[in-house]
Amino acid sequence: MSTPSLPPRKPGASGRTLAIQDPSPGAPSRALRLRAAGGWEKFMRRADMERGDGVPPRP
């Protein structure tokens, strides 16, 4: 009983491509989420400085 030989493997790309999915309707884009996160950080730093709790602001 002999098994048929398999084709040689070729290292590298598998031929599959990763498709970037479109955001669902009404969902924020990645750019908007990043901008919002940056705004939140700025808001929190400002709140820490205004509170004056002695904690140095985050860089």
PDB file of N, CA and C in Angstrom:
ATOM      1  N   MET A   1       0.845  -1.164   0.000  1.00  0.00           N
ATOM      2  CA  MET A   1       0.000   0.000   0.000  1.00  0.00           C
ATOM      3  C   MET A   1       0.899   1.239   0.000  1.00  0.00           C
ATOM      4  N   SER A   2       0.835   1.990  -1.030  1.00  0.00           N
ATOM      5  CA  SER A   2       1.642   3.199  -1.110  1.00  0.00           C
ATOM      6  C   SER A   2       0.719   4.418  -1.172  1.00  0.00           C
ATOM      7  N   THR A   3       1.191   5.479  -0.575  1.00  0.00           N
ATOM      8  CA  THR A   3       0.394   6.711  -0.581  1.00  0.00           C
ATOM      9  C   THR A   3       0.905   7.608  -1.693  1.00  0.00           C
ATOM     10  N   PRO A   4       0.020   8.295  -2.335  1.00  0.00           N
ATOM     11  CA  PRO A   4       0.495   9.207  -3.399  1.00  0.00           C
ATOM     12  C   PRO A   4       1.309  10.336  -2.778  1.00  0.00           C
ATOM     13  N   SER A   5       2.333  10.737  -3.483  1.00  0.00           N
ATOM     14  CA  SER A   5       3.185  11.802  -2.944  1.00  0.00           C
ATOM     15  C   SER A   5       2.456  13.141  -3.048  1.00  0.00           C
ATOM     16  N   LEU A   6       2.656  13.950  -2.041  1.00  0.00           N
ATOM     17  CA  LEU A   6       2.050  15.275  -2.012  1.00  0.00           C
ATOM     18  C   LEU A   6       2.923  16.249  -2.782  1.00  0.00           C
ATOM     19  N   PRO A   7       2.322  17.299  -3.321  1.00  0.00           N
ATOM     20  CA  PRO A   7       3.160  18.280  -4.023  1.00  0.00           C
ATOM     21  C   PRO A   7       4.056  18.996  -3.023  1.00  0.00           C
ATOM     22  N   PRO A   8       5.229  19.416  -3.459  1.00  0.00           N
ATOM     23  CA  PRO A   8       6.141  20.094  -2.532  1.00  0.00           C
ATOM     24  C   PRO A   8       5.539  21.408  -2.044  1.00  0.00           C
ATOM     25  N   ARG A   9       5.791  21.705  -0.804  1.00  0.00           N
ATOM     26  CA  ARG A   9       5.294  22.959  -0.225  1.00  0.00           C
ATOM     27  C   ARG A   9       6.194  24.106  -0.640  1.00  0.00           C
ATOM     28  N   LYS A  10       5.584  25.231  -0.893  1.00  0.00           N
ATOM     29  CA  LYS A  10       6.337  26.431  -1.264  1.00  0.00           C
ATOM     30  C   LYS A  10       6.185  27.436  -0.126  1.00  0.00           C
ATOM     31  N   PRO A  11       7.280  27.832   0.512  1.00  0.00           N
ATOM     32  CA  PRO A  11       7.157  28.824   1.575  1.00  0.00           C
ATOM     33  C   PRO A  11       6.762  30.182   0.999  1.00  0.00           C
ATOM     34  N   GLY A  12       6.056  30.928   1.800  1.00  0.00           N
ATOM     35  CA  GLY A  12       5.663  32.264   1.359  1.00  0.00           C
ATOM     36  C   GLY A  12       4.170  32.464   1.504  1.00  0.00           C
ATOM     37  N   ALA A  13       3.647  33.374   0.731  1.00  0.00           N
ATOM     38  CA  ALA A  13       2.234  33.734   0.828  1.00  0.00           C
ATOM     39  C   ALA A  13       1.360  32.547   0.457  1.00  0.00           C
ATOM     40  N   SER A  14       0.251  32.435   1.147  1.00  0.00           N
ATOM     41  CA  SER A  14      -0.650  31.322   0.908  1.00  0.00           C
ATOM     42  C   SER A  14      -1.601  31.607  -0.249  1.00  0.00           C
ATOM     43  N   GLY A  15      -1.599  32.844  -0.713  1.00  0.00           N
ATOM     44  CA  GLY A  15      -2.523  33.197  -1.779  1.00  0.00           C
ATOM     45  C   GLY A  15      -3.791  33.841  -1.245  1.00  0.00           C
ATOM     46  N   ARG A  16      -4.016  33.713   0.049  1.00  0.00           N
ATOM     47  CA  ARG A  16      -5.189  34.337   0.650  1.00  0.00           C
ATOM     48  C   ARG A  16      -4.896  35.803   0.924  1.00  0.00           C
ATOM     49  N   THR A  17      -5.887  36.614   0.791  1.00  0.00           N
ATOM     50  CA  THR A  17      -5.727  38.023   1.118  1.00  0.00           C
ATOM     51  C   THR A  17      -6.706  38.370   2.235  1.00  0.00           C
ATOM     52  N   LEU A  18      -6.266  39.208   3.120  1.00  0.00           N
ATOM     53  CA  LEU A  18      -7.102  39.631   4.223  1.00  0.00           C
ATOM     54  C   LEU A  18      -7.936  40.811   3.757  1.00  0.00           C
ATOM     55  N   ALA A  19      -9.229  40.611   3.729  1.00  0.00           N
ATOM     56  CA  ALA A  19     -10.119  41.680   3.290  1.00  0.00           C
ATOM     57  C   ALA A  19     -10.493  42.528   4.497  1.00  0.00           C
ATOM     58  N   ILE A  20     -10.315  43.838   4.363  1.00  0.00           N
ATOM     59  CA  ILE A  20     -10.711  44.739   5.431  1.00  0.00           C
ATOM     60  C   ILE A  20     -12.213  44.927   5.312  1.00  0.00           C
ATOM     61  N   GLN A  21     -12.892  44.580   6.378  1.00  0.00           N
ATOM     62  CA  GLN A  21     -14.336  44.660   6.343  1.00  0.00           C
ATOM     63  C   GLN A  21     -14.788  46.100   6.495  1.00  0.00           C
ATOM     64  N   ASP A  22     -15.816  46.452   5.770  1.00  0.00           N
ATOM     65  CA  ASP A  22     -16.401  47.776   5.910  1.00  0.00           C
ATOM     66  C   ASP A  22     -17.109  47.852   7.257  1.00  0.00           C
ATOM     67  N   PRO A  23     -17.017  48.994   7.924  1.00  0.00           N
ATOM     68  CA  PRO A  23     -17.719  49.107   9.201  1.00  0.00           C
ATOM     69  C   PRO A  23     -19.220  49.019   8.979  1.00  0.00           C
ATOM     70  N   SER A  24     -19.915  48.498   9.980  1.00  0.00           N
ATOM     71  CA  SER A  24     -21.362  48.408   9.843  1.00  0.00           C
ATOM     72  C   SER A  24     -21.963  49.807   9.763  1.00  0.00           C
ATOM     73  N   PRO A  25     -23.105  49.911   9.169  1.00  0.00           N
ATOM     74  CA  PRO A  25     -23.730  51.232   9.047  1.00  0.00           C
ATOM     75  C   PRO A  25     -23.926  51.868  10.428  1.00  0.00           C
ATOM     76  N   GLY A  26     -23.530  53.104  10.547  1.00  0.00           N
ATOM     77  CA  GLY A  26     -23.672  53.815  11.809  1.00  0.00           C
ATOM     78  C   GLY A  26     -22.500  53.643  12.761  1.00  0.00           C
ATOM     79  N   ALA A  27     -21.576  52.739  12.458  1.00  0.00           N
ATOM     80  CA  ALA A  27     -20.414  52.521  13.324  1.00  0.00           C
ATOM     81  C   ALA A  27     -19.341  53.545  12.987  1.00  0.00           C
ATOM     82  N   PRO A  28     -18.621  54.047  14.000  1.00  0.00           N
ATOM     83  CA  PRO A  28     -17.568  55.030  13.720  1.00  0.00           C
ATOM     84  C   PRO A  28     -16.384  54.386  13.014  1.00  0.00           C
ATOM     85  N   SER A  29     -15.730  55.150  12.173  1.00  0.00           N
ATOM     86  CA  SER A  29     -14.562  54.644  11.462  1.00  0.00           C
ATOM     87  C   SER A  29     -13.380  54.552  12.428  1.00  0.00           C
ATOM     88  N   ARG A  30     -12.352  53.861  12.006  1.00  0.00           N
ATOM     89  CA  ARG A  30     -11.152  53.720  12.843  1.00  0.00           C
ATOM     90  C   ARG A  30     -10.521  55.088  13.115  1.00  0.00           C
ATOM     91  N   ALA A  31     -10.472  55.932  12.092  1.00  0.00           N
ATOM     92  CA  ALA A  31      -9.878  57.256  12.262  1.00  0.00           C
ATOM     93  C   ALA A  31     -10.651  58.070  13.304  1.00  0.00           C
ATOM     94  N   LEU A  32     -11.966  57.978  13.269  1.00  0.00           N
ATOM     95  CA  LEU A  32     -12.774  58.718  14.228  1.00  0.00           C
ATOM     96  C   LEU A  32     -12.574  58.175  15.638  1.00  0.00           C
ATOM     97  N   ARG A  33     -12.475  56.854  15.774  1.00  0.00           N
ATOM     98  CA  ARG A  33     -12.247  56.269  17.107  1.00  0.00           C
ATOM     99  C   ARG A  33     -10.899  56.701  17.664  1.00  0.00           C
ATOM    100  N   LEU A  34      -9.860  56.756  16.820  1.00  0.00           N
ATOM    101  CA  LEU A  34      -8.538  57.188  17.268  1.00  0.00           C
ATOM    102  C   LEU A  34      -8.553  58.656  17.684  1.00  0.00           C
ATOM    103  N   ARG A  35      -9.253  59.493  16.909  1.00  0.00           N
ATOM    104  CA  ARG A  35      -9.339  60.905  17.234  1.00  0.00           C
ATOM    105  C   ARG A  35     -10.089  61.107  18.550  1.00  0.00           C
ATOM    106  N   ALA A  36     -11.141  60.331  18.760  1.00  0.00           N
ATOM    107  CA  ALA A  36     -11.910  60.435  20.000  1.00  0.00           C
ATOM    108  C   ALA A  36     -11.067  60.003  21.194  1.00  0.00           C
ATOM    109  N   ALA A  37     -10.263  58.955  21.032  1.00  0.00           N
ATOM    110  CA  ALA A  37      -9.409  58.484  22.127  1.00  0.00           C
ATOM    111  C   ALA A  37      -8.393  59.562  22.493  1.00  0.00           C
ATOM    112  N   GLY A  38      -7.837  60.229  21.498  1.00  0.00           N
ATOM    113  CA  GLY A  38      -6.885  61.304  21.762  1.00  0.00           C
ATOM    114  C   GLY A  38      -7.546  62.467  22.485  1.00  0.00           C
ATOM    115  N   GLY A  39      -8.778  62.783  22.101  1.00  0.00           N
ATOM    116  CA  GLY A  39      -9.515  63.847  22.766  1.00  0.00           C
ATOM    117  C   GLY A  39      -9.823  63.499  24.210  1.00  0.00           C
ATOM    118  N   TRP A  40     -10.134  62.234  24.470  1.00  0.00           N
ATOM    119  CA  TRP A  40     -10.418  61.791  25.841  1.00  0.00           C
ATOM    120  C   TRP A  40      -9.178  61.930  26.718  1.00  0.00           C
ATOM    121  N   GLU A  41      -8.017  61.551  26.177  1.00  0.00           N
ATOM    122  CA  GLU A  41      -6.771  61.680  26.936  1.00  0.00           C
ATOM    123  C   GLU A  41      -6.528  63.156  27.294  1.00  0.00           C
ATOM    124  N   LYS A  42      -6.742  64.041  26.329  1.00  0.00           N
ATOM    125  CA  LYS A  42      -6.543  65.468  26.568  1.00  0.00           C
ATOM    126  C   LYS A  42      -7.517  65.968  27.639  1.00  0.00           C
ATOM    127  N   PHE A  43      -8.751  65.518  27.568  1.00  0.00           N
ATOM    128  CA  PHE A  43      -9.762  65.903  28.555  1.00  0.00           C
ATOM    129  C   PHE A  43      -9.357  65.452  29.954  1.00  0.00           C
ATOM    130  N   MET A  44      -8.865  64.223  30.070  1.00  0.00           N
ATOM    131  CA  MET A  44      -8.483  63.692  31.380  1.00  0.00           C
ATOM    132  C   MET A  44      -7.271  64.444  31.935  1.00  0.00           C
ATOM    133  N   ARG A  45      -6.306  64.786  31.086  1.00  0.00           N
ATOM    134  CA  ARG A  45      -5.144  65.558  31.545  1.00  0.00           C
ATOM    135  C   ARG A  45      -5.585  66.921  32.064  1.00  0.00           C
ATOM    136  N   ARG A  46      -6.469  67.570  31.308  1.00  0.00           N
ATOM    137  CA  ARG A  46      -6.947  68.893  31.718  1.00  0.00           C
ATOM    138  C   ARG A  46      -7.704  68.795  33.044  1.00  0.00           C
ATOM    139  N   ALA A  47      -8.516  67.778  33.211  1.00  0.00           N
ATOM    140  CA  ALA A  47      -9.275  67.602  34.454  1.00  0.00           C
ATOM    141  C   ALA A  47      -8.324  67.387  35.627  1.00  0.00           C
ATOM    142  N   ASP A  48      -7.248  66.627  35.426  1.00  0.00           N
ATOM    143  CA  ASP A  48      -6.268  66.391  36.492  1.00  0.00           C
ATOM    144  C   ASP A  48      -5.597  67.707  36.893  1.00  0.00           C
ATOM    145  N   MET A  49      -5.268  68.538  35.920  1.00  0.00           N
ATOM    146  CA  MET A  49      -4.600  69.807  36.231  1.00  0.00           C
ATOM    147  C   MET A  49      -5.559  70.755  36.954  1.00  0.00           C
ATOM    148  N   GLU A  50      -6.818  70.804  36.541  1.00  0.00           N
ATOM    149  CA  GLU A  50      -7.783  71.706  37.165  1.00  0.00           C
ATOM    150  C   GLU A  50      -8.125  71.279  38.588  1.00  0.00           C
ATOM    151  N   ARG A  51      -8.108  69.978  38.827  1.00  0.00           N
ATOM    152  CA  ARG A  51      -8.432  69.470  40.153  1.00  0.00           C
ATOM    153  C   ARG A  51      -7.335  69.842  41.136  1.00  0.00           C
ATOM    154  N   GLY A  52      -6.108  69.889  40.659  1.00  0.00           N
ATOM    155  CA  GLY A  52      -4.976  70.262  41.502  1.00  0.00           C
ATOM    156  C   GLY A  52      -4.720  69.275  42.610  1.00  0.00           C
ATOM    157  N   ASP A  53      -4.791  67.998  42.302  1.00  0.00           N
ATOM    158  CA  ASP A  53      -4.614  66.980  43.342  1.00  0.00           C
ATOM    159  C   ASP A  53      -3.148  66.629  43.569  1.00  0.00           C
ATOM    160  N   GLY A  54      -2.251  67.389  43.005  1.00  0.00           N
ATOM    161  CA  GLY A  54      -0.831  67.140  43.233  1.00  0.00           C
ATOM    162  C   GLY A  54      -0.243  66.060  42.344  1.00  0.00           C
ATOM    163  N   VAL A  55      -1.065  65.417  41.538  1.00  0.00           N
ATOM    164  CA  VAL A  55      -0.567  64.370  40.641  1.00  0.00           C
ATOM    165  C   VAL A  55      -0.103  65.051  39.363  1.00  0.00           C
ATOM    166  N   PRO A  56       1.143  64.824  38.972  1.00  0.00           N
ATOM    167  CA  PRO A  56       1.613  65.451  37.730  1.00  0.00           C
ATOM    168  C   PRO A  56       0.813  64.955  36.534  1.00  0.00           C
ATOM    169  N   PRO A  57       0.575  65.811  35.552  1.00  0.00           N
ATOM    170  CA  PRO A  57      -0.186  65.391  34.387  1.00  0.00           C
ATOM    171  C   PRO A  57       0.522  64.287  33.612  1.00  0.00           C
ATOM    172  N   ARG A  58      -0.260  63.442  32.991  1.00  0.00           N
ATOM    173  CA  ARG A  58       0.298  62.361  32.170  1.00  0.00           C
ATOM    174  C   ARG A  58       0.906  62.940  30.905  1.00  0.00           C
ATOM    175  N   PRO A  59       2.011  62.371  30.434  1.00  0.00           N
ATOM    176  CA  PRO A  59       2.648  62.904  29.215  1.00  0.00           C
ATOM    177  C   PRO A  59       1.823  62.656  27.987  1.00  0.00           C
TER     178      PRO A  59
END
